[in-house]
Amino acid sequence: MKKLDDIENLAAKVEMAQKSYNYQKDLTDELDQLTGDFSEVDILKIVLWKLNRYVDVKHDLITAINELKKEYSTEQAKEVLGKLLACRGIDLPMASTILRFAVPDELQILDQRAYRILVGDTFKLPRLIEDKIRTYFDYIDKLKEKCLALNIPFRESDRILYELDKAVNSDEKLNGY
């Protein structure tokens, strides 16, 4: 294994490394410009930068989410979900989490555990955005139906199903674990 002292023509290689570094470029540039006191948001951005989990959500998408909060419609929710899924770093579980906190009386988190205990099968994430949207809203329809039939408060159903699955399916493996 080579160390810095072992590298020939180090100055040229340092210069090349400086030019080629582009890890989360926009966020890196933003964080490099921080000069004042850190805020909680600054710390969260730094943590997400390090974990490579920062997502760049544009202002128009935030506006669309806030509009959905004010006046819910399934059609608008599908459109917002599609825009969320088009963001780098956001897939269906994260997108559903954002939507759940935006409109908890209408939408809930699609989580492996909640899905498994509701459907009785392992969740398989579709590849295409259109398929993800369809899968999510099929899940929501089924969830609302079961919540009504079994007297489970829909607003808390993602949490309740998550805990129920942990309690009764703890010996079953989850995808990726």
Foldseek 3Di string as FASTA:
>chain_A
DDDLVRDPPNVVVVVVCVVPDCQVNVLVVVLVPDDDDDDPVSVVSVVCSVVVQDWDDDPVLVVLLLVCLVPPDLVSLLVSLLSQCVIPNDHQQNSQCSSCVSCLQQGHGDDQQLCCVQVVDGDDGDDDSVVSSVVRVVSSVSLVVVCVVVVPRSSCSVVVSNVVSCVPVVVDDHPPD
